[in-house]
Amino acid sequence: MVEQDYLSIAKDAILLESNAVASLIAQVDHTLMDAAQVMLNCKGHVIVAGSGTSHAVALRFAHLLSCCGTPAMFLHPGDSQHGAAGAVRTEDVLVALSKGGETAEVNFLANVAHERGAKVIGITEKPASTLGKLSDIVLEVKAPEGVDPFGMIATGSSLFNSAYCDAICIVLLNLRGYSLQQFGQTHPGGAVGQKLKETL
């Protein structure tokens, strides 16, 4: 193949992913609001966990939640089996991401949270999975077929799940009435911090 062929492949991938994200609108229902209300009322931290590509989505989600005024932290589910599960308290909310809902380390952490009386929100394609059964609220998020290479390399589906998490962040930002001034206190550094100093 020549360069133009590869550029066409790249453009097709972007179009495929953008169409997939747009189709997510049909999956947004009252369960998103249920989850947002639980996170809004959380007296502790929203703890977000996932393994593999879901690790990257969970880490991003935790960061953006904090940026939007919801105190959050990422907890690696693998580390939870080696002492890190001690971070989970009754007043926390665990948001666990697992495509199939059967990731052992994610479910271990979800079970710890469940036993301690923390709320568990599962984001998965399989509501009937182990994660689904351990969750107080199940957010069924299923990317379209064919959005990932080989149906396994989570390029499009990770973007799809990230967009769903973004929607939760924006809802929470509005529920809190979180202001630009408050964000400025949270993010004083870098180019964003400098822009805020010039704006506020």
N, C-alpha and C. Protein backbone atom coordinates (compact mmCIF):
# COMPACT_ATOMS: atom_id res chain seq x y z
N MET A 1 0.83 -1.20 0.00
CA MET A 1 0.00 0.00 0.00
C MET A 1 0.87 1.25 0.00
N VAL A 2 0.32 2.32 -0.53
CA VAL A 2 1.02 3.60 -0.54
C VAL A 2 0.52 4.46 0.61
N GLU A 3 1.18 5.61 0.81
CA GLU A 3 0.84 6.48 1.94
C GLU A 3 -0.64 6.85 1.95
N GLN A 4 -1.21 7.16 0.79
CA GLN A 4 -2.61 7.58 0.74
C GLN A 4 -3.55 6.50 1.23
N ASP A 5 -3.17 5.24 1.01
CA ASP A 5 -3.99 4.12 1.49
C ASP A 5 -4.03 4.11 3.01
N TYR A 6 -2.89 4.34 3.62
CA TYR A 6 -2.83 4.35 5.09
C TYR A 6 -3.57 5.55 5.66
N LEU A 7 -3.49 6.69 4.97
CA LEU A 7 -4.24 7.86 5.41
C LEU A 7 -5.74 7.62 5.33
N SER A 8 -6.16 6.87 4.31
CA SER A 8 -7.57 6.52 4.18
C SER A 8 -8.01 5.62 5.33
N ILE A 9 -7.13 4.69 5.72
CA ILE A 9 -7.42 3.81 6.86
C ILE A 9 -7.59 4.65 8.13
N ALA A 10 -6.69 5.63 8.31
CA ALA A 10 -6.77 6.50 9.49
C ALA A 10 -8.07 7.29 9.50
N LYS A 11 -8.45 7.85 8.36
CA LYS A 11 -9.69 8.63 8.27
C LYS A 11 -10.91 7.75 8.53
N ASP A 12 -10.88 6.54 8.00
CA ASP A 12 -12.01 5.61 8.22
C ASP A 12 -12.14 5.26 9.70
N ALA A 13 -10.99 5.11 10.38
CA ALA A 13 -11.02 4.78 11.81
C ALA A 13 -11.65 5.92 12.60
N ILE A 14 -11.30 7.15 12.26
CA ILE A 14 -11.87 8.31 12.95
C ILE A 14 -13.36 8.40 12.71
N LEU A 15 -13.79 8.17 11.48
CA LEU A 15 -15.23 8.21 11.16
C LEU A 15 -15.97 7.11 11.89
N LEU A 16 -15.40 5.91 11.92
CA LEU A 16 -16.02 4.79 12.61
C LEU A 16 -16.20 5.10 14.09
N GLU A 17 -15.16 5.64 14.71
CA GLU A 17 -15.22 5.94 16.14
C GLU A 17 -16.19 7.08 16.44
N SER A 18 -16.19 8.10 15.59
CA SER A 18 -17.10 9.22 15.84
C SER A 18 -18.55 8.80 15.71
N ASN A 19 -18.85 7.94 14.74
CA ASN A 19 -20.21 7.41 14.60
C ASN A 19 -20.60 6.55 15.79
N ALA A 20 -19.64 5.78 16.30
CA ALA A 20 -19.90 4.94 17.47
C ALA A 20 -20.25 5.79 18.68
N VAL A 21 -19.47 6.84 18.91
CA VAL A 21 -19.73 7.72 20.06
C VAL A 21 -21.11 8.38 19.92
N ALA A 22 -21.46 8.79 18.72
CA ALA A 22 -22.77 9.41 18.50
C ALA A 22 -23.91 8.44 18.82
N SER A 23 -23.69 7.16 18.55
CA SER A 23 -24.73 6.16 18.82
C SER A 23 -24.95 5.93 20.31
N LEU A 24 -24.00 6.40 21.14
CA LEU A 24 -24.10 6.24 22.59
C LEU A 24 -25.32 6.97 23.15
N ILE A 25 -25.77 8.00 22.47
CA ILE A 25 -26.93 8.79 22.93
C ILE A 25 -28.11 7.88 23.24
N ALA A 26 -28.30 6.85 22.42
CA ALA A 26 -29.44 5.94 22.60
C ALA A 26 -29.34 5.12 23.88
N GLN A 27 -28.15 5.03 24.47
CA GLN A 27 -27.95 4.24 25.68
C GLN A 27 -28.03 5.06 26.97
N VAL A 28 -28.19 6.36 26.83
CA VAL A 28 -28.27 7.23 28.00
C VAL A 28 -29.70 7.24 28.52
N ASP A 29 -29.88 6.75 29.76
CA ASP A 29 -31.22 6.71 30.35
C ASP A 29 -31.16 7.08 31.83
N HIS A 30 -32.22 6.77 32.56
CA HIS A 30 -32.33 7.18 33.96
C HIS A 30 -31.23 6.61 34.84
N THR A 31 -30.61 5.51 34.43
CA THR A 31 -29.56 4.93 35.27
C THR A 31 -28.35 5.85 35.38
N LEU A 32 -28.09 6.65 34.35
CA LEU A 32 -27.00 7.63 34.44
C LEU A 32 -27.30 8.63 35.54
N MET A 33 -28.54 9.09 35.62
CA MET A 33 -28.92 10.04 36.67
C MET A 33 -28.87 9.39 38.04
N ASP A 34 -29.27 8.11 38.11
CA ASP A 34 -29.20 7.39 39.39
C ASP A 34 -27.75 7.37 39.90
N ALA A 35 -26.83 7.05 38.98
CA ALA A 35 -25.41 6.98 39.34
C ALA A 35 -24.88 8.36 39.72
N ALA A 36 -25.26 9.38 38.96
CA ALA A 36 -24.80 10.73 39.23
C ALA A 36 -25.27 11.20 40.61
N GLN A 37 -26.50 10.87 40.97
CA GLN A 37 -27.03 11.27 42.28
C GLN A 37 -26.27 10.59 43.42
N VAL A 38 -25.93 9.32 43.23
CA VAL A 38 -25.15 8.60 44.25
C VAL A 38 -23.78 9.25 44.41
N MET A 39 -23.14 9.61 43.30
CA MET A 39 -21.83 10.26 43.36
C MET A 39 -21.94 11.67 43.95
N LEU A 40 -23.01 12.37 43.62
CA LEU A 40 -23.24 13.72 44.15
C LEU A 40 -23.37 13.68 45.67
N ASN A 41 -24.06 12.67 46.19
CA ASN A 41 -24.33 12.56 47.63
C ASN A 41 -23.23 11.83 48.40
N CYS A 42 -22.18 11.41 47.71
CA CYS A 42 -21.08 10.68 48.35
C CYS A 42 -20.40 11.56 49.40
N LYS A 43 -20.27 11.03 50.61
CA LYS A 43 -19.62 11.76 51.71
C LYS A 43 -18.12 11.50 51.77
N GLY A 44 -17.67 10.50 51.04
CA GLY A 44 -16.25 10.19 50.99
C GLY A 44 -15.68 10.52 49.63
N HIS A 45 -14.97 9.56 49.07
CA HIS A 45 -14.42 9.72 47.73
C HIS A 45 -15.12 8.77 46.75
N VAL A 46 -15.20 9.21 45.51
CA VAL A 46 -15.58 8.30 44.43
C VAL A 46 -14.30 7.61 43.99
N ILE A 47 -14.25 6.30 44.18
CA ILE A 47 -13.07 5.50 43.82
C ILE A 47 -13.38 4.82 42.49
N VAL A 48 -12.50 5.00 41.52
CA VAL A 48 -12.72 4.45 40.18
C VAL A 48 -11.66 3.39 39.91
N ALA A 49 -12.09 2.25 39.38
CA ALA A 49 -11.15 1.14 39.16
C ALA A 49 -11.45 0.41 37.86
N GLY A 50 -10.41 -0.06 37.22
CA GLY A 50 -10.52 -0.87 36.01
C GLY A 50 -9.17 -1.46 35.67
N SER A 51 -9.17 -2.55 34.92
CA SER A 51 -7.92 -3.20 34.52
C SER A 51 -7.77 -3.14 33.00
N GLY A 52 -6.54 -3.28 32.53
CA GLY A 52 -6.31 -3.25 31.09
C GLY A 52 -6.66 -1.88 30.52
N THR A 53 -7.34 -1.87 29.38
CA THR A 53 -7.75 -0.59 28.78
C THR A 53 -8.73 0.14 29.69
N SER A 54 -9.53 -0.61 30.44
CA SER A 54 -10.46 0.02 31.39
C SER A 54 -9.70 0.77 32.48
N HIS A 55 -8.45 0.36 32.75
CA HIS A 55 -7.59 1.09 33.68
C HIS A 55 -7.41 2.52 33.19
N ALA A 56 -7.09 2.67 31.90
CA ALA A 56 -6.86 3.99 31.33
C ALA A 56 -8.13 4.84 31.37
N VAL A 57 -9.27 4.21 31.05
CA VAL A 57 -10.55 4.92 31.09
C VAL A 57 -10.87 5.35 32.52
N ALA A 58 -10.64 4.45 33.48
CA ALA A 58 -10.94 4.73 34.89
C ALA A 58 -10.04 5.84 35.44
N LEU A 59 -8.76 5.81 35.08
CA LEU A 59 -7.82 6.83 35.54
C LEU A 59 -8.24 8.21 35.02
N ARG A 60 -8.62 8.26 33.76
CA ARG A 60 -9.09 9.51 33.15
C ARG A 60 -10.38 9.99 33.81
N PHE A 61 -11.29 9.06 34.07
CA PHE A 61 -12.58 9.40 34.68
C PHE A 61 -12.38 9.99 36.08
N ALA A 62 -11.52 9.36 36.87
CA ALA A 62 -11.26 9.85 38.23
C ALA A 62 -10.69 11.26 38.20
N HIS A 63 -9.78 11.50 37.27
CA HIS A 63 -9.18 12.83 37.16
C HIS A 63 -10.23 13.87 36.79
N LEU A 64 -11.08 13.56 35.80
CA LEU A 64 -12.07 14.52 35.35
C LEU A 64 -13.16 14.75 36.39
N LEU A 65 -13.51 13.72 37.15
CA LEU A 65 -14.47 13.91 38.24
C LEU A 65 -13.94 14.96 39.21
N SER A 66 -12.67 14.82 39.60
CA SER A 66 -12.07 15.79 40.52
C SER A 66 -12.05 17.19 39.91
N CYS A 67 -11.76 17.28 38.61
CA CYS A 67 -11.76 18.57 37.92
C CYS A 67 -13.15 19.21 37.93
N CYS A 68 -14.18 18.38 37.96
CA CYS A 68 -15.56 18.86 37.92
C CYS A 68 -16.18 18.99 39.31
N GLY A 69 -15.37 18.91 40.36
CA GLY A 69 -15.86 19.18 41.71
C GLY A 69 -16.29 17.97 42.51
N THR A 70 -16.08 16.77 41.97
CA THR A 70 -16.42 15.55 42.70
C THR A 70 -15.12 14.87 43.15
N PRO A 71 -14.81 14.89 44.45
CA PRO A 71 -13.56 14.29 44.92
C PRO A 71 -13.46 12.81 44.52
N ALA A 72 -12.44 12.50 43.75
CA ALA A 72 -12.31 11.14 43.21
C ALA A 72 -10.85 10.71 43.18
N MET A 73 -10.64 9.40 43.15
CA MET A 73 -9.30 8.85 43.05
C MET A 73 -9.36 7.52 42.29
N PHE A 74 -8.26 7.22 41.60
CA PHE A 74 -8.14 5.93 40.93
C PHE A 74 -7.49 4.93 41.88
N LEU A 75 -8.03 3.73 41.91
CA LEU A 75 -7.43 2.65 42.69
C LEU A 75 -7.22 1.45 41.78
N HIS A 76 -5.97 1.02 41.65
CA HIS A 76 -5.68 -0.12 40.77
C HIS A 76 -6.26 -1.39 41.40
N PRO A 77 -7.14 -2.08 40.70
CA PRO A 77 -7.77 -3.26 41.30
C PRO A 77 -6.78 -4.38 41.62
N GLY A 78 -5.68 -4.46 40.87
CA GLY A 78 -4.67 -5.46 41.18
C GLY A 78 -4.03 -5.19 42.53
N ASP A 79 -3.76 -3.92 42.80
CA ASP A 79 -3.16 -3.53 44.08
C ASP A 79 -4.13 -3.75 45.24
N SER A 80 -5.42 -3.80 44.94
CA SER A 80 -6.40 -3.97 46.01
C SER A 80 -6.25 -5.32 46.71
N GLN A 81 -5.63 -6.28 46.03
CA GLN A 81 -5.40 -7.58 46.64
C GLN A 81 -4.12 -7.60 47.47
N HIS A 82 -3.43 -6.47 47.49
CA HIS A 82 -2.16 -6.39 48.21
C HIS A 82 -2.15 -5.20 49.16
N GLY A 83 -3.31 -4.93 49.76
CA GLY A 83 -3.39 -3.91 50.80
C GLY A 83 -4.11 -2.63 50.43
N ALA A 84 -4.16 -2.30 49.13
CA ALA A 84 -4.76 -1.02 48.72
C ALA A 84 -6.27 -0.96 48.95
N ALA A 85 -6.90 -2.13 49.11
CA ALA A 85 -8.34 -2.15 49.38
C ALA A 85 -8.66 -1.49 50.72
N GLY A 86 -7.65 -1.27 51.55
CA GLY A 86 -7.84 -0.57 52.81
C GLY A 86 -8.30 0.86 52.62
N ALA A 87 -8.17 1.39 51.40
CA ALA A 87 -8.60 2.76 51.12
C ALA A 87 -10.12 2.87 51.03
N VAL A 88 -10.81 1.76 50.84
CA VAL A 88 -12.26 1.79 50.64
C VAL A 88 -12.98 1.85 51.98
N ARG A 89 -13.87 2.86 52.11
CA ARG A 89 -14.62 3.05 53.36
C ARG A 89 -16.11 3.03 53.07
N THR A 90 -16.91 2.93 54.12
CA THR A 90 -18.36 2.87 53.99
C THR A 90 -18.90 4.09 53.26
N GLU A 91 -18.31 5.26 53.51
CA GLU A 91 -18.83 6.49 52.93
C GLU A 91 -18.39 6.74 51.48
N ASP A 92 -17.62 5.81 50.92
CA ASP A 92 -17.14 5.96 49.55
C ASP A 92 -18.12 5.35 48.54
N VAL A 93 -17.88 5.69 47.29
CA VAL A 93 -18.58 5.06 46.17
C VAL A 93 -17.52 4.47 45.25
N LEU A 94 -17.67 3.20 44.90
CA LEU A 94 -16.76 2.56 43.96
C LEU A 94 -17.42 2.50 42.59
N VAL A 95 -16.73 3.04 41.59
CA VAL A 95 -17.16 2.89 40.21
C VAL A 95 -16.20 1.90 39.56
N ALA A 96 -16.70 0.72 39.21
CA ALA A 96 -15.86 -0.34 38.66
C ALA A 96 -16.18 -0.55 37.19
N LEU A 97 -15.15 -0.52 36.35
CA LEU A 97 -15.33 -0.72 34.92
C LEU A 97 -14.79 -2.07 34.49
N SER A 98 -15.61 -2.84 33.80
CA SER A 98 -15.18 -4.13 33.25
C SER A 98 -16.11 -4.49 32.11
N LYS A 99 -15.57 -4.62 30.91
CA LYS A 99 -16.39 -4.88 29.73
C LYS A 99 -17.28 -6.10 29.93
N GLY A 100 -16.68 -7.21 30.31
CA GLY A 100 -17.45 -8.44 30.48
C GLY A 100 -17.95 -8.67 31.89
N GLY A 101 -17.49 -7.86 32.83
CA GLY A 101 -17.93 -7.97 34.22
C GLY A 101 -17.37 -9.17 34.96
N GLU A 102 -16.32 -9.79 34.41
CA GLU A 102 -15.76 -10.98 35.05
C GLU A 102 -14.26 -10.84 35.33
N THR A 103 -13.75 -9.62 35.35
CA THR A 103 -12.34 -9.40 35.67
C THR A 103 -12.12 -9.67 37.15
N ALA A 104 -11.31 -10.66 37.46
CA ALA A 104 -11.19 -11.15 38.84
C ALA A 104 -10.81 -10.06 39.83
N GLU A 105 -9.78 -9.26 39.50
CA GLU A 105 -9.31 -8.26 40.45
C GLU A 105 -10.32 -7.13 40.63
N VAL A 106 -11.05 -6.80 39.58
CA VAL A 106 -12.10 -5.77 39.69
C VAL A 106 -13.21 -6.27 40.59
N ASN A 107 -13.60 -7.53 40.41
CA ASN A 107 -14.67 -8.09 41.23
C ASN A 107 -14.25 -8.30 42.68
N PHE A 108 -12.96 -8.57 42.89
CA PHE A 108 -12.46 -8.66 44.26
C PHE A 108 -12.67 -7.33 44.97
N LEU A 109 -12.28 -6.24 44.31
CA LEU A 109 -12.43 -4.91 44.89
C LEU A 109 -13.90 -4.55 45.07
N ALA A 110 -14.73 -4.89 44.10
CA ALA A 110 -16.17 -4.61 44.21
C ALA A 110 -16.77 -5.35 45.39
N ASN A 111 -16.31 -6.57 45.62
CA ASN A 111 -16.82 -7.35 46.75
C ASN A 111 -16.40 -6.73 48.09
N VAL A 112 -15.16 -6.24 48.15
CA VAL A 112 -14.69 -5.56 49.36
C VAL A 112 -15.57 -4.35 49.64
N ALA A 113 -15.80 -3.55 48.61
CA ALA A 113 -16.63 -2.34 48.76
C ALA A 113 -18.05 -2.72 49.19
N HIS A 114 -18.58 -3.75 48.58
CA HIS A 114 -19.93 -4.22 48.90
C HIS A 114 -20.03 -4.65 50.37
N GLU A 115 -19.03 -5.40 50.82
CA GLU A 115 -19.04 -5.89 52.20
C GLU A 115 -18.88 -4.76 53.22
N ARG A 116 -18.22 -3.68 52.83
CA ARG A 116 -18.01 -2.55 53.74
C ARG A 116 -19.17 -1.55 53.72
N GLY A 117 -20.14 -1.82 52.87
CA GLY A 117 -21.30 -0.94 52.82
C GLY A 117 -21.15 0.25 51.92
N ALA A 118 -20.07 0.30 51.13
CA ALA A 118 -19.92 1.36 50.14
C ALA A 118 -20.82 1.07 48.95
N LYS A 119 -21.29 2.12 48.29
CA LYS A 119 -22.08 1.94 47.09
C LYS A 119 -21.17 1.48 45.94
N VAL A 120 -21.68 0.57 45.13
CA VAL A 120 -20.91 0.08 43.98
C VAL A 120 -21.68 0.39 42.70
N ILE A 121 -21.03 1.06 41.78
CA ILE A 121 -21.58 1.34 40.46
C ILE A 121 -20.74 0.57 39.45
N GLY A 122 -21.36 -0.33 38.72
CA GLY A 122 -20.65 -1.11 37.72
C GLY A 122 -20.93 -0.57 36.33
N ILE A 123 -19.86 -0.38 35.54
CA ILE A 123 -20.00 0.00 34.13
C ILE A 123 -19.54 -1.20 33.32
N THR A 124 -20.46 -1.83 32.62
CA THR A 124 -20.18 -3.09 31.94
C THR A 124 -21.16 -3.33 30.79
N GLU A 125 -20.77 -4.21 29.88
CA GLU A 125 -21.68 -4.63 28.82
C GLU A 125 -22.61 -5.74 29.29
N LYS A 126 -22.28 -6.36 30.43
CA LYS A 126 -22.99 -7.56 30.89
C LYS A 126 -23.61 -7.35 32.27
N PRO A 127 -24.83 -6.84 32.32
CA PRO A 127 -25.48 -6.61 33.62
C PRO A 127 -25.65 -7.87 34.46
N ALA A 128 -25.75 -9.04 33.82
CA ALA A 128 -25.93 -10.29 34.55
C ALA A 128 -24.61 -10.89 35.02
N SER A 129 -23.49 -10.20 34.79
CA SER A 129 -22.17 -10.69 35.18
C SER A 129 -21.98 -10.62 36.69
N THR A 130 -20.84 -11.13 37.14
CA THR A 130 -20.50 -11.05 38.57
C THR A 130 -20.45 -9.60 39.03
N LEU A 131 -19.84 -8.72 38.24
CA LEU A 131 -19.79 -7.31 38.60
C LEU A 131 -21.20 -6.73 38.69
N GLY A 132 -22.04 -7.09 37.73
CA GLY A 132 -23.41 -6.60 37.75
C GLY A 132 -24.14 -7.00 39.03
N LYS A 133 -23.91 -8.23 39.47
CA LYS A 133 -24.58 -8.73 40.68
C LYS A 133 -24.03 -8.07 41.95
N LEU A 134 -22.77 -7.62 41.90
CA LEU A 134 -22.16 -6.96 43.06
C LEU A 134 -22.50 -5.47 43.13
N SER A 135 -23.10 -4.95 42.06
CA SER A 135 -23.32 -3.51 41.94
C SER A 135 -24.70 -3.09 42.45
N ASP A 136 -24.73 -1.92 43.08
CA ASP A 136 -26.00 -1.31 43.47
C ASP A 136 -26.68 -0.68 42.26
N ILE A 137 -25.87 -0.15 41.35
CA ILE A 137 -26.36 0.42 40.10
C ILE A 137 -25.50 -0.14 38.97
N VAL A 138 -26.14 -0.64 37.92
CA VAL A 138 -25.41 -1.13 36.76
C VAL A 138 -25.64 -0.18 35.59
N LEU A 139 -24.56 0.33 35.05
CA LEU A 139 -24.62 1.15 33.86
C LEU A 139 -24.22 0.27 32.68
N GLU A 140 -25.21 -0.13 31.90
CA GLU A 140 -24.94 -1.00 30.76
C GLU A 140 -24.48 -0.14 29.59
N VAL A 141 -23.21 -0.25 29.25
CA VAL A 141 -22.62 0.55 28.18
C VAL A 141 -21.99 -0.43 27.19
N LYS A 142 -22.56 -0.47 25.99
CA LYS A 142 -22.11 -1.46 25.01
C LYS A 142 -21.76 -0.78 23.69
N ALA A 143 -20.49 -0.85 23.34
CA ALA A 143 -20.02 -0.25 22.09
C ALA A 143 -20.54 -1.05 20.89
N PRO A 144 -20.75 -0.39 19.76
CA PRO A 144 -21.24 -1.10 18.56
C PRO A 144 -20.26 -2.16 18.08
N GLU A 145 -20.78 -3.18 17.46
CA GLU A 145 -19.93 -4.22 16.87
C GLU A 145 -19.05 -3.59 15.79
N GLY A 146 -17.82 -4.06 15.71
CA GLY A 146 -16.92 -3.63 14.64
C GLY A 146 -16.15 -2.36 14.91
N VAL A 147 -16.33 -1.76 16.10
CA VAL A 147 -15.64 -0.50 16.38
C VAL A 147 -14.20 -0.74 16.83
N ASP A 148 -13.87 -1.98 17.22
CA ASP A 148 -12.51 -2.34 17.65
C ASP A 148 -11.85 -3.28 16.64
N PRO A 149 -10.57 -3.08 16.30
CA PRO A 149 -9.86 -4.03 15.43
C PRO A 149 -9.90 -5.45 16.01
N PHE A 150 -10.24 -6.41 15.18
CA PHE A 150 -10.37 -7.81 15.57
C PHE A 150 -11.47 -8.03 16.62
N GLY A 151 -12.21 -6.97 16.94
CA GLY A 151 -13.22 -7.07 17.99
C GLY A 151 -12.62 -7.18 19.38
N MET A 152 -11.32 -6.89 19.50
CA MET A 152 -10.62 -7.09 20.78
C MET A 152 -9.73 -5.93 21.19
N ILE A 153 -9.11 -5.22 20.24
CA ILE A 153 -8.21 -4.12 20.59
C ILE A 153 -9.08 -2.90 20.85
N ALA A 154 -9.15 -2.47 22.10
CA ALA A 154 -10.20 -1.54 22.54
C ALA A 154 -9.93 -0.08 22.17
N THR A 155 -9.75 0.17 20.87
CA THR A 155 -9.57 1.55 20.41
C THR A 155 -10.89 2.32 20.49
N GLY A 156 -11.87 1.86 19.74
CA GLY A 156 -13.16 2.55 19.69
C GLY A 156 -13.98 2.39 20.96
N SER A 157 -13.97 1.20 21.56
CA SER A 157 -14.80 0.98 22.75
C SER A 157 -14.28 1.76 23.95
N SER A 158 -12.96 1.98 24.04
CA SER A 158 -12.44 2.78 25.15
C SER A 158 -12.87 4.24 24.99
N LEU A 159 -12.87 4.72 23.76
CA LEU A 159 -13.36 6.08 23.49
C LEU A 159 -14.85 6.18 23.81
N PHE A 160 -15.59 5.15 23.46
CA PHE A 160 -17.03 5.06 23.72
C PHE A 160 -17.31 5.15 25.22
N ASN A 161 -16.59 4.36 26.00
CA ASN A 161 -16.77 4.38 27.46
C ASN A 161 -16.30 5.71 28.06
N SER A 162 -15.24 6.28 27.51
CA SER A 162 -14.77 7.57 28.00
C SER A 162 -15.82 8.66 27.78
N ALA A 163 -16.50 8.60 26.63
CA ALA A 163 -17.54 9.58 26.34
C ALA A 163 -18.69 9.45 27.33
N TYR A 164 -19.04 8.22 27.69
CA TYR A 164 -20.11 8.01 28.68
C TYR A 164 -19.69 8.59 30.03
N CYS A 165 -18.46 8.36 30.41
CA CYS A 165 -17.95 8.90 31.68
C CYS A 165 -17.90 10.43 31.63
N ASP A 166 -17.56 10.99 30.47
CA ASP A 166 -17.56 12.44 30.31
C ASP A 166 -18.96 13.00 30.57
N ALA A 167 -19.97 12.31 30.05
CA ALA A 167 -21.35 12.76 30.23
C ALA A 167 -21.71 12.81 31.71
N ILE A 168 -21.26 11.81 32.48
CA ILE A 168 -21.50 11.81 33.93
C ILE A 168 -20.82 13.01 34.57
N CYS A 169 -19.58 13.29 34.17
CA CYS A 169 -18.85 14.44 34.72
C CYS A 169 -19.59 15.74 34.47
N ILE A 170 -20.09 15.92 33.27
CA ILE A 170 -20.78 17.17 32.92
C ILE A 170 -22.09 17.29 33.69
N VAL A 171 -22.80 16.17 33.86
CA VAL A 171 -24.03 16.19 34.65
C VAL A 171 -23.72 16.58 36.10
N LEU A 172 -22.67 15.99 36.67
CA LEU A 172 -22.29 16.31 38.05
C LEU A 172 -21.85 17.76 38.19
N LEU A 173 -21.12 18.25 37.21
CA LEU A 173 -20.69 19.64 37.23
C LEU A 173 -21.90 20.56 37.32
N ASN A 174 -22.94 20.26 36.54
CA ASN A 174 -24.16 21.07 36.55
C ASN A 174 -24.98 20.88 37.82
N LEU A 175 -25.05 19.64 38.32
CA LEU A 175 -25.78 19.39 39.56
C LEU A 175 -25.17 20.16 40.73
N ARG A 176 -23.86 20.27 40.74
CA ARG A 176 -23.17 20.96 41.83
C ARG A 176 -23.19 22.49 41.65
N GLY A 177 -23.47 22.94 40.43
CA GLY A 177 -23.32 24.36 40.17
C GLY A 177 -21.86 24.77 40.27
N TYR A 178 -20.97 23.85 39.86
CA TYR A 178 -19.53 24.06 39.99
C TYR A 178 -19.09 25.20 39.08
N SER A 179 -18.43 26.18 39.64
CA SER A 179 -18.12 27.42 38.92
C SER A 179 -16.69 27.41 38.37
N LEU A 180 -16.46 28.35 37.45
CA LEU A 180 -15.13 28.53 36.90
C LEU A 180 -14.16 28.97 37.99
N GLN A 181 -14.65 29.75 38.94
CA GLN A 181 -13.81 30.19 40.06
C GLN A 181 -13.35 29.00 40.90
N GLN A 182 -14.27 28.07 41.16
CA GLN A 182 -13.91 26.87 41.92
C GLN A 182 -12.90 26.02 41.17
N PHE A 183 -13.09 25.92 39.86
CA PHE A 183 -12.15 25.16 39.04
C PHE A 183 -10.77 25.82 39.09
N GLY A 184 -10.75 27.16 39.13
CA GLY A 184 -9.49 27.88 39.19
C GLY A 184 -8.70 27.56 40.44
N GLN A 185 -9.40 27.30 41.55
CA GLN A 185 -8.71 26.91 42.79
C GLN A 185 -8.13 25.51 42.67
N THR A 186 -8.80 24.66 41.92
CA THR A 186 -8.36 23.28 41.73
C THR A 186 -7.23 23.17 40.73
N HIS A 187 -7.21 24.06 39.75
CA HIS A 187 -6.26 23.94 38.64
C HIS A 187 -5.50 25.25 38.43
N PRO A 188 -4.61 25.63 39.39
CA PRO A 188 -3.88 26.89 39.25
C PRO A 188 -2.65 26.82 38.36
N GLY A 189 -2.23 25.61 37.99
CA GLY A 189 -0.97 25.45 37.27
C GLY A 189 -1.11 25.32 35.77
N GLY A 190 0.01 25.42 35.08
CA GLY A 190 0.08 25.20 33.66
C GLY A 190 -0.61 26.28 32.84
N ALA A 191 -0.78 25.98 31.55
CA ALA A 191 -1.39 26.94 30.63
C ALA A 191 -2.85 27.20 31.01
N VAL A 192 -3.53 26.16 31.51
CA VAL A 192 -4.93 26.33 31.93
C VAL A 192 -5.00 27.30 33.12
N GLY A 193 -4.12 27.10 34.09
CA GLY A 193 -4.09 27.99 35.25
C GLY A 193 -3.80 29.43 34.86
N GLN A 194 -2.88 29.62 33.93
CA GLN A 194 -2.53 30.97 33.48
C GLN A 194 -3.72 31.62 32.78
N LYS A 195 -4.41 30.86 31.96
CA LYS A 195 -5.59 31.38 31.26
C LYS A 195 -6.68 31.78 32.25
N LEU A 196 -6.86 30.95 33.30
CA LEU A 196 -7.86 31.26 34.32
C LEU A 196 -7.51 32.55 35.07
N LYS A 197 -6.22 32.76 35.35
CA LYS A 197 -5.80 34.00 36.03
C LYS A 197 -6.12 35.22 35.20
N GLU A 198 -6.01 35.07 33.88
CA GLU A 198 -6.30 36.20 32.98
C GLU A 198 -7.79 36.41 32.82
N THR A 199 -8.56 35.32 33.02
CA THR A 199 -10.01 35.39 32.82
C THR A 199 -10.74 35.87 34.05
N LEU A 200 -10.33 35.35 35.24
CA LEU A 200 -11.07 35.63 36.47
C LEU A 200 -10.67 36.97 37.09
